[in-house]
Amino acid sequence: MCFFPASTTIFELNDLSGCYLWLEVEWLVFLGTLLSNALFIAVRSCVRHKITLVTVPERKKIPNIDTIMAIVDVTNTFNAQIIPLIVSCFLYFQRNGKNESNVSFQLTQILFSNWISAICVTFVVFVHWKKGPEWWTKNDRSYKIWRVMIFLNFFLLPSINLGITIFIFLLPNFKLIGQPISSYILFYSVVCVHRLIEFVTLIRRSIILDAQIFLEQRDHRLN
């Protein structure tokens, strides 16, 4: 599929080009889901995941249910970063929007952001910040790096992507209708908004709060 021509080189009409583009995106999401889950299983078979995104009440627990439910949420978090990376790689190397500098810049910026997000989420899921060698945990170095990764992936990158998209789309010389790939950029902006909402409603109130409680309890024990 990486050698498929861009939709605009096959169809002259934007409607047909847009349909072809989203057919590609749907197919890539399907393939990306398979590849992302396979990658997660492969890595987790070597390294156990280090975060838990859902807590099961004690009265509802049965053997292994907590682990099963935790894996589902962590896998979804991992997939939510890896699948967009696969889609953006394909659309970038397919050279969509090569005749429009603003669109080409946005595709490059989305690809770069997705690579950073994939690295961040892999670090957050599989690297243990609570334990490790002294050089890693000294002066809460591991926690600070871990928190930067969380902030970068779920807040800073989505905010930058959203701001750049709004700025470019408001430029007077940018023709939104003239580029079928613009619909994908708009969709990615919606994904960025979702990540910001997820940061406020889930990440900040669960993962970061749990980390702060752990540090407070550890300091209390040491003192």
C-alpha atoms as a PDB file:
ATOM      1  CA  MET A   1       0.000   0.000   0.000  1.00  0.00           C
ATOM      2  CA  CYS A   2       2.899   2.365   0.543  1.00  0.00           C
ATOM      3  CA  PHE A   3       3.380   2.419  -3.220  1.00  0.00           C
ATOM      4  CA  PHE A   4      -0.246   3.376  -3.956  1.00  0.00           C
ATOM      5  CA  PRO A   5      -0.508   6.771  -5.658  1.00  0.00           C
ATOM      6  CA  ALA A   6      -2.084   9.670  -3.820  1.00  0.00           C
ATOM      7  CA  SER A   7      -5.835  10.010  -4.212  1.00  0.00           C
ATOM      8  CA  THR A   8      -5.502  13.285  -6.132  1.00  0.00           C
ATOM      9  CA  THR A   9      -3.437  11.554  -8.846  1.00  0.00           C
ATOM     10  CA  ILE A  10      -6.217   9.018  -9.492  1.00  0.00           C
ATOM     11  CA  PHE A  11      -9.358  11.161  -9.239  1.00  0.00           C
ATOM     12  CA  GLU A  12      -9.691  14.727 -10.427  1.00  0.00           C
ATOM     13  CA  LEU A  13     -12.893  15.319  -8.440  1.00  0.00           C
ATOM     14  CA  ASN A  14     -12.320  16.121  -4.782  1.00  0.00           C
ATOM     15  CA  ASP A  15     -15.323  14.032  -3.699  1.00  0.00           C
ATOM     16  CA  LEU A  16     -13.910  10.882  -5.260  1.00  0.00           C
ATOM     17  CA  SER A  17     -10.420  11.693  -3.998  1.00  0.00           C
ATOM     18  CA  GLY A  18     -11.769  12.131  -0.472  1.00  0.00           C
ATOM     19  CA  CYS A  19     -13.629   8.789  -0.602  1.00  0.00           C
ATOM     20  CA  TYR A  20     -10.505   7.034  -1.848  1.00  0.00           C
ATOM     21  CA  LEU A  21      -8.420   8.686   0.872  1.00  0.00           C
ATOM     22  CA  TRP A  22     -10.745   7.571   3.669  1.00  0.00           C
ATOM     23  CA  LEU A  23     -10.931   4.067   2.234  1.00  0.00           C
ATOM     24  CA  GLU A  24      -7.166   3.992   2.613  1.00  0.00           C
ATOM     25  CA  VAL A  25      -7.367   5.373   6.154  1.00  0.00           C
ATOM     26  CA  GLU A  26      -9.958   2.750   7.195  1.00  0.00           C
ATOM     27  CA  TRP A  27      -7.787  -0.022   5.762  1.00  0.00           C
ATOM     28  CA  LEU A  28      -4.715   1.377   7.490  1.00  0.00           C
ATOM     29  CA  VAL A  29      -6.533   1.574  10.833  1.00  0.00           C
ATOM     30  CA  PHE A  30      -7.452  -2.108  10.478  1.00  0.00           C
ATOM     31  CA  LEU A  31      -3.868  -3.094   9.647  1.00  0.00           C
ATOM     32  CA  GLY A  32      -2.540  -0.747  12.322  1.00  0.00           C
ATOM     33  CA  THR A  33      -4.748  -2.362  14.961  1.00  0.00           C
ATOM     34  CA  LEU A  34      -3.342  -5.787  14.121  1.00  0.00           C
ATOM     35  CA  LEU A  35       0.258  -4.560  14.070  1.00  0.00           C
ATOM     36  CA  SER A  36      -0.115  -2.489  17.239  1.00  0.00           C
ATOM     37  CA  ASN A  37      -1.648  -5.348  19.222  1.00  0.00           C
ATOM     38  CA  ALA A  38       1.017  -7.728  17.972  1.00  0.00           C
ATOM     39  CA  LEU A  39       3.719  -5.249  18.996  1.00  0.00           C
ATOM     40  CA  PHE A  40       2.157  -4.784  22.438  1.00  0.00           C
ATOM     41  CA  ILE A  41       1.935  -8.540  23.023  1.00  0.00           C
ATOM     42  CA  ALA A  42       5.530  -9.013  21.845  1.00  0.00           C
ATOM     43  CA  VAL A  43       6.889  -6.305  24.162  1.00  0.00           C
ATOM     44  CA  ARG A  44       4.717  -7.347  27.107  1.00  0.00           C
ATOM     45  CA  SER A  45       5.893 -10.935  26.790  1.00  0.00           C
ATOM     46  CA  CYS A  46       9.345  -9.585  27.663  1.00  0.00           C
ATOM     47  CA  VAL A  47       8.450  -6.646  29.941  1.00  0.00           C
ATOM     48  CA  ARG A  48       5.303  -6.381  32.044  1.00  0.00           C
ATOM     49  CA  HIS A  49       3.379  -3.116  31.684  1.00  0.00           C
ATOM     50  CA  LYS A  50       3.954  -0.635  34.543  1.00  0.00           C
ATOM     51  CA  ILE A  51       0.709   1.375  34.658  1.00  0.00           C
ATOM     52  CA  THR A  52      -2.869   0.546  35.621  1.00  0.00           C
ATOM     53  CA  LEU A  53      -5.625   2.736  34.218  1.00  0.00           C
ATOM     54  CA  VAL A  54      -8.631   1.081  35.866  1.00  0.00           C
ATOM     55  CA  THR A  55      -9.220  -0.094  39.422  1.00  0.00           C
ATOM     56  CA  VAL A  56     -11.694  -2.893  40.108  1.00  0.00           C
ATOM     57  CA  PRO A  57     -13.668  -2.664  43.394  1.00  0.00           C
ATOM     58  CA  GLU A  58     -12.707  -5.337  45.916  1.00  0.00           C
ATOM     59  CA  ARG A  59     -16.225  -6.829  46.028  1.00  0.00           C
ATOM     60  CA  LYS A  60     -16.196  -7.380  42.248  1.00  0.00           C
ATOM     61  CA  LYS A  61     -12.768  -8.979  42.026  1.00  0.00           C
ATOM     62  CA  ILE A  62     -12.339 -12.588  40.997  1.00  0.00           C
ATOM     63  CA  PRO A  63      -9.004 -14.275  40.228  1.00  0.00           C
ATOM     64  CA  ASN A  64      -7.185 -12.480  37.396  1.00  0.00           C
ATOM     65  CA  ILE A  65     -10.027 -10.089  36.486  1.00  0.00           C
ATOM     66  CA  ASP A  66      -8.064  -7.057  37.676  1.00  0.00           C
ATOM     67  CA  THR A  67      -5.146  -8.007  35.449  1.00  0.00           C
ATOM     68  CA  ILE A  68      -7.389  -8.718  32.449  1.00  0.00           C
ATOM     69  CA  MET A  69      -9.252  -5.410  32.710  1.00  0.00           C
ATOM     70  CA  ALA A  70      -6.024  -3.483  33.268  1.00  0.00           C
ATOM     71  CA  ILE A  71      -4.446  -5.011  30.170  1.00  0.00           C
ATOM     72  CA  VAL A  72      -7.428  -3.975  28.030  1.00  0.00           C
ATOM     73  CA  ASP A  73      -7.158  -0.319  29.048  1.00  0.00           C
ATOM     74  CA  VAL A  74      -3.377  -0.210  28.760  1.00  0.00           C
ATOM     75  CA  THR A  75      -3.514  -1.888  25.345  1.00  0.00           C
ATOM     76  CA  ASN A  76      -6.067   0.665  24.143  1.00  0.00           C
ATOM     77  CA  THR A  77      -3.811   3.493  25.347  1.00  0.00           C
ATOM     78  CA  PHE A  78      -0.850   1.964  23.504  1.00  0.00           C
ATOM     79  CA  ASN A  79      -2.902   1.432  20.332  1.00  0.00           C
ATOM     80  CA  ALA A  80      -4.212   5.003  20.443  1.00  0.00           C
ATOM     81  CA  GLN A  81      -0.659   6.250  19.808  1.00  0.00           C
ATOM     82  CA  ILE A  82       0.720   3.530  17.521  1.00  0.00           C
ATOM     83  CA  ILE A  83      -2.193   3.346  15.046  1.00  0.00           C
ATOM     84  CA  PRO A  84      -2.088   7.101  14.193  1.00  0.00           C
ATOM     85  CA  LEU A  85       1.662   6.700  13.635  1.00  0.00           C
ATOM     86  CA  ILE A  86       1.076   3.958  11.053  1.00  0.00           C
ATOM     87  CA  VAL A  87      -1.602   6.012   9.273  1.00  0.00           C
ATOM     88  CA  SER A  88       0.481   9.205   9.251  1.00  0.00           C
ATOM     89  CA  CYS A  89       3.543   7.353   7.917  1.00  0.00           C
ATOM     90  CA  PHE A  90       1.543   6.040   4.979  1.00  0.00           C
ATOM     91  CA  LEU A  91      -0.079   9.387   4.150  1.00  0.00           C
ATOM     92  CA  TYR A  92       3.250  11.212   4.437  1.00  0.00           C
ATOM     93  CA  PHE A  93       5.240   8.868   2.188  1.00  0.00           C
ATOM     94  CA  GLN A  94       2.362   8.784  -0.265  1.00  0.00           C
ATOM     95  CA  ARG A  95       3.116  12.490  -0.758  1.00  0.00           C
ATOM     96  CA  ASN A  96      -0.411  13.784  -0.254  1.00  0.00           C
ATOM     97  CA  GLY A  97      -0.572  17.556  -0.533  1.00  0.00           C
ATOM     98  CA  LYS A  98       2.844  17.771  -2.183  1.00  0.00           C
ATOM     99  CA  ASN A  99       1.627  20.745  -4.244  1.00  0.00           C
ATOM    100  CA  GLU A 100       0.495  22.685  -1.152  1.00  0.00           C
ATOM    101  CA  SER A 101       3.267  23.780   1.213  1.00  0.00           C
ATOM    102  CA  ASN A 102       0.960  24.298   4.205  1.00  0.00           C
ATOM    103  CA  VAL A 103      -0.560  20.822   3.872  1.00  0.00           C
ATOM    104  CA  SER A 104       2.832  19.227   3.347  1.00  0.00           C
ATOM    105  CA  PHE A 105       4.131  20.989   6.468  1.00  0.00           C
ATOM    106  CA  GLN A 106       1.172  19.748   8.511  1.00  0.00           C
ATOM    107  CA  LEU A 107       1.617  16.147   7.378  1.00  0.00           C
ATOM    108  CA  THR A 108       5.290  16.373   8.345  1.00  0.00           C
ATOM    109  CA  GLN A 109       4.426  17.881  11.699  1.00  0.00           C
ATOM    110  CA  ILE A 110       1.756  15.207  12.360  1.00  0.00           C
ATOM    111  CA  LEU A 111       4.216  12.449  11.485  1.00  0.00           C
ATOM    112  CA  PHE A 112       6.891  13.931  13.757  1.00  0.00           C
ATOM    113  CA  SER A 113       4.374  14.312  16.601  1.00  0.00           C
ATOM    114  CA  ASN A 114       3.165  10.727  16.234  1.00  0.00           C
ATOM    115  CA  TRP A 115       6.729   9.389  16.419  1.00  0.00           C
ATOM    116  CA  ILE A 116       7.294  11.320  19.638  1.00  0.00           C
ATOM    117  CA  SER A 117       3.931  10.125  21.008  1.00  0.00           C
ATOM    118  CA  ALA A 118       4.775   6.505  20.207  1.00  0.00           C
ATOM    119  CA  ILE A 119       8.096   6.804  22.063  1.00  0.00           C
ATOM    120  CA  CYS A 120       6.420   8.533  25.016  1.00  0.00           C
ATOM    121  CA  VAL A 121       3.615   6.016  25.413  1.00  0.00           C
ATOM    122  CA  THR A 122       6.022   3.082  25.120  1.00  0.00           C
ATOM    123  CA  PHE A 123       8.161   4.632  27.845  1.00  0.00           C
ATOM    124  CA  VAL A 124       5.165   5.332  30.105  1.00  0.00           C
ATOM    125  CA  VAL A 125       3.687   1.862  29.696  1.00  0.00           C
ATOM    126  CA  PHE A 126       6.802  -0.288  29.952  1.00  0.00           C
ATOM    127  CA  VAL A 127       9.449   1.676  31.893  1.00  0.00           C
ATOM    128  CA  HIS A 128       9.194   1.455  35.686  1.00  0.00           C
ATOM    129  CA  TRP A 129       9.767   4.807  37.382  1.00  0.00           C
ATOM    130  CA  LYS A 130       9.009   3.628  40.935  1.00  0.00           C
ATOM    131  CA  LYS A 131      11.822   1.081  40.982  1.00  0.00           C
ATOM    132  CA  GLY A 132      15.244   0.757  39.439  1.00  0.00           C
ATOM    133  CA  PRO A 133      18.926   1.485  40.015  1.00  0.00           C
ATOM    134  CA  GLU A 134      19.948   4.336  42.279  1.00  0.00           C
ATOM    135  CA  TRP A 135      20.972   6.640  39.429  1.00  0.00           C
ATOM    136  CA  TRP A 136      17.466   6.258  37.985  1.00  0.00           C
ATOM    137  CA  THR A 137      15.411   6.907  41.126  1.00  0.00           C
ATOM    138  CA  LYS A 138      17.770   9.396  42.808  1.00  0.00           C
ATOM    139  CA  ASN A 139      16.174  12.816  43.500  1.00  0.00           C
ATOM    140  CA  ASP A 140      12.956  11.592  41.849  1.00  0.00           C
ATOM    141  CA  ARG A 141      14.717  11.704  38.462  1.00  0.00           C
ATOM    142  CA  SER A 142      12.652   8.816  37.105  1.00  0.00           C
ATOM    143  CA  TYR A 143       9.384  10.434  38.206  1.00  0.00           C
ATOM    144  CA  LYS A 144      10.286  13.760  36.609  1.00  0.00           C
ATOM    145  CA  ILE A 145      11.148  12.120  33.276  1.00  0.00           C
ATOM    146  CA  TRP A 146       8.001   9.982  33.460  1.00  0.00           C
ATOM    147  CA  ARG A 147       5.843  13.030  34.141  1.00  0.00           C
ATOM    148  CA  VAL A 148       7.436  14.949  31.249  1.00  0.00           C
ATOM    149  CA  MET A 149       6.542  12.034  28.959  1.00  0.00           C
ATOM    150  CA  ILE A 150       2.939  12.083  30.188  1.00  0.00           C
ATOM    151  CA  PHE A 151       2.655  15.861  29.791  1.00  0.00           C
ATOM    152  CA  LEU A 152       4.328  15.825  26.377  1.00  0.00           C
ATOM    153  CA  ASN A 153       2.157  13.051  24.964  1.00  0.00           C
ATOM    154  CA  PHE A 154      -1.251  13.982  26.319  1.00  0.00           C
ATOM    155  CA  PHE A 155      -1.089  17.773  26.593  1.00  0.00           C
ATOM    156  CA  LEU A 156       1.789  19.587  24.901  1.00  0.00           C
ATOM    157  CA  LEU A 157       1.875  17.809  21.519  1.00  0.00           C
ATOM    158  CA  PRO A 158      -1.934  17.831  21.046  1.00  0.00           C
ATOM    159  CA  SER A 159      -2.023  21.535  21.976  1.00  0.00           C
ATOM    160  CA  ILE A 160       0.735  22.386  19.477  1.00  0.00           C
ATOM    161  CA  ASN A 161      -0.889  20.341  16.702  1.00  0.00           C
ATOM    162  CA  LEU A 162      -4.272  21.917  17.348  1.00  0.00           C
ATOM    163  CA  GLY A 163      -2.809  25.432  17.414  1.00  0.00           C
ATOM    164  CA  ILE A 164      -0.891  24.940  14.154  1.00  0.00           C
ATOM    165  CA  THR A 165      -3.970  23.506  12.424  1.00  0.00           C
ATOM    166  CA  ILE A 166      -6.165  26.417  13.489  1.00  0.00           C
ATOM    167  CA  PHE A 167      -3.505  28.927  12.424  1.00  0.00           C
ATOM    168  CA  ILE A 168      -2.976  27.386   8.977  1.00  0.00           C
ATOM    169  CA  PHE A 169      -6.682  26.927   8.306  1.00  0.00           C
ATOM    170  CA  LEU A 170      -7.288  30.587   9.122  1.00  0.00           C
ATOM    171  CA  LEU A 171      -4.706  31.779   6.597  1.00  0.00           C
ATOM    172  CA  PRO A 172      -6.454  33.712   3.811  1.00  0.00           C
ATOM    173  CA  ASN A 173      -4.580  31.895   1.027  1.00  0.00           C
ATOM    174  CA  PHE A 174      -5.358  28.394   2.321  1.00  0.00           C
ATOM    175  CA  LYS A 175      -8.113  26.617   0.377  1.00  0.00           C
ATOM    176  CA  LEU A 176      -9.687  24.011   2.640  1.00  0.00           C
ATOM    177  CA  ILE A 177     -11.969  22.579  -0.049  1.00  0.00           C
ATOM    178  CA  GLY A 178      -9.170  22.277  -2.590  1.00  0.00           C
ATOM    179  CA  GLN A 179      -7.248  19.608  -0.652  1.00  0.00           C
ATOM    180  CA  PRO A 180      -8.947  16.257   0.130  1.00  0.00           C
ATOM    181  CA  ILE A 181      -6.188  15.519   2.677  1.00  0.00           C
ATOM    182  CA  SER A 182      -7.511  18.453   4.713  1.00  0.00           C
ATOM    183  CA  SER A 183     -10.310  16.196   5.982  1.00  0.00           C
ATOM    184  CA  TYR A 184      -7.694  13.917   7.538  1.00  0.00           C
ATOM    185  CA  ILE A 185      -5.962  16.905   9.137  1.00  0.00           C
ATOM    186  CA  LEU A 186      -9.300  18.026  10.588  1.00  0.00           C
ATOM    187  CA  PHE A 187      -9.898  14.506  11.889  1.00  0.00           C
ATOM    188  CA  TYR A 188      -6.469  14.456  13.510  1.00  0.00           C
ATOM    189  CA  SER A 189      -7.332  17.764  15.180  1.00  0.00           C
ATOM    190  CA  VAL A 190     -10.370  16.052  16.712  1.00  0.00           C
ATOM    191  CA  VAL A 191      -8.050  13.291  17.962  1.00  0.00           C
ATOM    192  CA  CYS A 192      -5.887  15.978  19.583  1.00  0.00           C
ATOM    193  CA  VAL A 193      -8.938  17.442  21.315  1.00  0.00           C
ATOM    194  CA  HIS A 194      -9.805  13.961  22.588  1.00  0.00           C
ATOM    195  CA  ARG A 195      -6.287  13.555  24.012  1.00  0.00           C
ATOM    196  CA  LEU A 196      -6.583  16.873  25.821  1.00  0.00           C
ATOM    197  CA  ILE A 197      -9.925  15.803  27.303  1.00  0.00           C
ATOM    198  CA  GLU A 198      -8.395  12.448  28.262  1.00  0.00           C
ATOM    199  CA  PHE A 199      -5.540  14.246  30.005  1.00  0.00           C
ATOM    200  CA  VAL A 200      -7.918  16.369  32.084  1.00  0.00           C
ATOM    201  CA  THR A 201     -10.498  13.701  32.889  1.00  0.00           C
ATOM    202  CA  LEU A 202      -8.458  10.485  33.137  1.00  0.00           C
ATOM    203  CA  ILE A 203      -4.680  10.881  33.103  1.00  0.00           C
ATOM    204  CA  ARG A 204      -4.447  13.771  35.549  1.00  0.00           C
ATOM    205  CA  ARG A 205      -6.983  12.263  37.945  1.00  0.00           C
ATOM    206  CA  SER A 206      -5.712   8.685  37.892  1.00  0.00           C
ATOM    207  CA  ILE A 207      -2.118   8.110  36.790  1.00  0.00           C
ATOM    208  CA  ILE A 208      -0.599  11.409  37.944  1.00  0.00           C
ATOM    209  CA  LEU A 209      -2.616  11.450  41.166  1.00  0.00           C
ATOM    210  CA  ASP A 210      -1.597   7.870  41.927  1.00  0.00           C
ATOM    211  CA  ALA A 211       2.055   8.821  41.370  1.00  0.00           C
ATOM    212  CA  GLN A 212       1.785  11.805  43.718  1.00  0.00           C
ATOM    213  CA  ILE A 213       0.170   9.645  46.429  1.00  0.00           C
ATOM    214  CA  PHE A 214       2.948   7.080  46.041  1.00  0.00           C
ATOM    215  CA  LEU A 215       5.636   9.760  46.473  1.00  0.00           C
ATOM    216  CA  GLU A 216       3.914  11.217  49.539  1.00  0.00           C
ATOM    217  CA  GLN A 217       3.579   7.807  51.180  1.00  0.00           C
ATOM    218  CA  ARG A 218       7.199   6.957  50.384  1.00  0.00           C
ATOM    219  CA  ASP A 219       8.462  10.247  51.843  1.00  0.00           C
ATOM    220  CA  HIS A 220       6.307   9.708  54.921  1.00  0.00           C
ATOM    221  CA  ARG A 221       7.826   6.261  55.476  1.00  0.00           C
ATOM    222  CA  LEU A 222      11.362   7.594  55.028  1.00  0.00           C
ATOM    223  CA  ASN A 223      10.765  10.433  57.510  1.00  0.00           C
END
